Amino acid sequence: APISVASLLFGSSLSSAPGSYFMECYGRRFVFVGTCFIVMVGVGLAEFSLISKDFVTLNIAAFLVGFAQGIGQFYRFAVVEVSEPYPKPIAISFVISGGV
């Protein structure tokens, strides 16, 4: 189990540079939707690895889910850019408290 958690954290730590690069090239919406697909593939792969009892596939799935979670942290910055000036503090507090 510790190796799977390490794979998740490793994927999360590696996602910031590619995530910001792809957001700059293709836009936030494309990257966030693509992240949803990465999560679906990762969860499906994790389910398959548990059924087939394959530890390596489980670690790959954990990496994919962690990668998507790391990109999901960009939602905090996206809400600051798109919200109106008055409800901006409320929007920020909703996004940050939703992660808790």
C-alpha atoms as a PDB file:
ATOM      1  CA  ALA A   1       0.000   0.000   0.000  1.00  0.00           C
ATOM      2  CA  PRO A   2       2.767   2.567   0.649  1.00  0.00           C
ATOM      3  CA  ILE A   3       4.064   2.172  -2.892  1.00  0.00           C
ATOM      4  CA  SER A   4       0.598   2.905  -4.293  1.00  0.00           C
ATOM      5  CA  VAL A   5       0.325   6.060  -2.182  1.00  0.00           C
ATOM      6  CA  ALA A   6       3.806   7.060  -3.315  1.00  0.00           C
ATOM      7  CA  SER A   7       2.732   6.562  -6.935  1.00  0.00           C
ATOM      8  CA  LEU A   8      -0.287   8.795  -6.345  1.00  0.00           C
ATOM      9  CA  LEU A   9       1.830  11.525  -4.777  1.00  0.00           C
ATOM     10  CA  PHE A  10       4.478  11.192  -7.477  1.00  0.00           C
ATOM     11  CA  GLY A  11       1.836  11.656 -10.175  1.00  0.00           C
ATOM     12  CA  SER A  12       0.449  14.654  -8.347  1.00  0.00           C
ATOM     13  CA  SER A  13       3.859  16.269  -8.067  1.00  0.00           C
ATOM     14  CA  LEU A  14       4.676  15.731 -11.742  1.00  0.00           C
ATOM     15  CA  SER A  15       1.451  17.254 -13.045  1.00  0.00           C
ATOM     16  CA  SER A  16       2.027  20.955 -12.420  1.00  0.00           C
ATOM     17  CA  ALA A  17       4.409  21.718 -15.286  1.00  0.00           C
ATOM     18  CA  PRO A  18       2.560  19.796 -18.027  1.00  0.00           C
ATOM     19  CA  GLY A  19      -0.783  21.010 -16.696  1.00  0.00           C
ATOM     20  CA  SER A  20       0.172  24.669 -16.860  1.00  0.00           C
ATOM     21  CA  TYR A  21       1.793  24.205 -20.268  1.00  0.00           C
ATOM     22  CA  PHE A  22      -1.298  22.565 -21.757  1.00  0.00           C
ATOM     23  CA  MET A  23      -3.548  25.194 -20.177  1.00  0.00           C
ATOM     24  CA  GLU A  24      -1.497  27.878 -21.851  1.00  0.00           C
ATOM     25  CA  CYS A  25      -1.634  26.119 -25.225  1.00  0.00           C
ATOM     26  CA  TYR A  26      -5.167  24.704 -25.272  1.00  0.00           C
ATOM     27  CA  GLY A  27      -7.111  26.526 -22.563  1.00  0.00           C
ATOM     28  CA  ARG A  28      -8.397  25.591 -19.132  1.00  0.00           C
ATOM     29  CA  ARG A  29     -11.611  23.927 -20.278  1.00  0.00           C
ATOM     30  CA  PHE A  30      -9.833  21.457 -22.557  1.00  0.00           C
ATOM     31  CA  VAL A  31      -7.360  20.507 -19.839  1.00  0.00           C
ATOM     32  CA  PHE A  32     -10.002  20.124 -17.118  1.00  0.00           C
ATOM     33  CA  VAL A  33     -12.160  17.922 -19.359  1.00  0.00           C
ATOM     34  CA  GLY A  34      -9.087  15.907 -20.311  1.00  0.00           C
ATOM     35  CA  THR A  35      -8.322  15.512 -16.628  1.00  0.00           C
ATOM     36  CA  CYS A  36     -11.757  13.977 -16.119  1.00  0.00           C
ATOM     37  CA  PHE A  37     -10.927  11.402 -18.769  1.00  0.00           C
ATOM     38  CA  ILE A  38      -7.575  10.677 -17.107  1.00  0.00           C
ATOM     39  CA  VAL A  39      -9.391  10.038 -13.824  1.00  0.00           C
ATOM     40  CA  MET A  40     -11.878   7.712 -15.521  1.00  0.00           C
ATOM     41  CA  VAL A  41      -9.066   5.737 -17.148  1.00  0.00           C
ATOM     42  CA  GLY A  42      -7.161   5.603 -13.857  1.00  0.00           C
ATOM     43  CA  VAL A  43     -10.168   4.395 -11.886  1.00  0.00           C
ATOM     44  CA  GLY A  44     -11.033   1.805 -14.535  1.00  0.00           C
ATOM     45  CA  LEU A  45      -7.451   0.623 -14.540  1.00  0.00           C
ATOM     46  CA  ALA A  46      -7.467   0.418 -10.738  1.00  0.00           C
ATOM     47  CA  GLU A  47     -10.653  -1.654 -10.832  1.00  0.00           C
ATOM     48  CA  PHE A  48      -9.112  -3.971 -13.407  1.00  0.00           C
ATOM     49  CA  SER A  49      -5.925  -4.300 -11.365  1.00  0.00           C
ATOM     50  CA  LEU A  50      -7.858  -5.224  -8.231  1.00  0.00           C
ATOM     51  CA  ILE A  51      -9.885  -7.851 -10.096  1.00  0.00           C
ATOM     52  CA  SER A  52      -6.804  -9.305 -11.786  1.00  0.00           C
ATOM     53  CA  LYS A  53      -4.630  -8.877  -8.659  1.00  0.00           C
ATOM     54  CA  ASP A  54      -1.923  -6.996 -10.568  1.00  0.00           C
ATOM     55  CA  PHE A  55       0.119  -4.721  -8.331  1.00  0.00           C
ATOM     56  CA  VAL A  56       2.031  -2.943 -11.106  1.00  0.00           C
ATOM     57  CA  THR A  57      -1.194  -1.927 -12.841  1.00  0.00           C
ATOM     58  CA  LEU A  58      -2.534  -0.641  -9.527  1.00  0.00           C
ATOM     59  CA  ASN A  59       0.498   1.626  -9.192  1.00  0.00           C
ATOM     60  CA  ILE A  60       0.047   2.919 -12.734  1.00  0.00           C
ATOM     61  CA  ALA A  61      -3.599   3.643 -11.952  1.00  0.00           C
ATOM     62  CA  ALA A  62      -2.622   5.442  -8.746  1.00  0.00           C
ATOM     63  CA  PHE A  63      -0.145   7.529 -10.733  1.00  0.00           C
ATOM     64  CA  LEU A  64      -2.857   8.531 -13.230  1.00  0.00           C
ATOM     65  CA  VAL A  65      -5.307   9.468 -10.491  1.00  0.00           C
ATOM     66  CA  GLY A  66      -2.616  11.463  -8.697  1.00  0.00           C
ATOM     67  CA  PHE A  67      -1.697  13.222 -11.932  1.00  0.00           C
ATOM     68  CA  ALA A  68      -5.323  14.228 -12.420  1.00  0.00           C
ATOM     69  CA  GLN A  69      -5.614  15.393  -8.810  1.00  0.00           C
ATOM     70  CA  GLY A  70      -2.575  17.594  -9.278  1.00  0.00           C
ATOM     71  CA  ILE A  71      -4.108  19.236 -12.322  1.00  0.00           C
ATOM     72  CA  GLY A  72      -7.359  19.594 -10.402  1.00  0.00           C
ATOM     73  CA  GLN A  73      -5.568  21.919  -8.004  1.00  0.00           C
ATOM     74  CA  PHE A  74      -5.585  24.502 -10.787  1.00  0.00           C
ATOM     75  CA  TYR A  75      -9.315  25.029 -10.140  1.00  0.00           C
ATOM     76  CA  ARG A  76      -8.306  27.420  -7.365  1.00  0.00           C
ATOM     77  CA  PHE A  77      -6.578  29.700  -9.825  1.00  0.00           C
ATOM     78  CA  ALA A  78      -9.298  29.381 -12.441  1.00  0.00           C
ATOM     79  CA  VAL A  79     -11.980  30.579 -10.025  1.00  0.00           C
ATOM     80  CA  VAL A  80      -9.947  33.691  -9.238  1.00  0.00           C
ATOM     81  CA  GLU A  81      -9.603  34.543 -12.919  1.00  0.00           C
ATOM     82  CA  VAL A  82     -13.241  34.084 -13.929  1.00  0.00           C
ATOM     83  CA  SER A  83     -15.229  35.368 -10.941  1.00  0.00           C
ATOM     84  CA  GLU A  84     -16.560  38.898 -10.570  1.00  0.00           C
ATOM     85  CA  PRO A  85     -14.806  41.285  -8.144  1.00  0.00           C
ATOM     86  CA  TYR A  86     -17.454  41.255  -5.413  1.00  0.00           C
ATOM     87  CA  PRO A  87     -18.113  37.518  -4.934  1.00  0.00           C
ATOM     88  CA  LYS A  88     -14.445  36.640  -5.551  1.00  0.00           C
ATOM     89  CA  PRO A  89     -13.633  36.072  -1.838  1.00  0.00           C
ATOM     90  CA  ILE A  90     -16.737  33.912  -1.464  1.00  0.00           C
ATOM     91  CA  ALA A  91     -15.862  31.902  -4.576  1.00  0.00           C
ATOM     92  CA  ILE A  92     -12.299  31.368  -3.353  1.00  0.00           C
ATOM     93  CA  SER A  93     -13.502  30.212   0.055  1.00  0.00           C
ATOM     94  CA  PHE A  94     -15.953  27.737  -1.554  1.00  0.00           C
ATOM     95  CA  VAL A  95     -13.249  26.248  -3.768  1.00  0.00           C
ATOM     96  CA  ILE A  96     -10.684  25.956  -0.992  1.00  0.00           C
ATOM     97  CA  SER A  97     -13.161  24.607   1.568  1.00  0.00           C
ATOM     98  CA  GLY A  98     -14.382  22.077  -0.985  1.00  0.00           C
ATOM     99  CA  GLY A  99     -10.935  20.494  -0.970  1.00  0.00           C
ATOM    100  CA  VAL A 100     -11.031  19.986   2.775  1.00  0.00           C
END
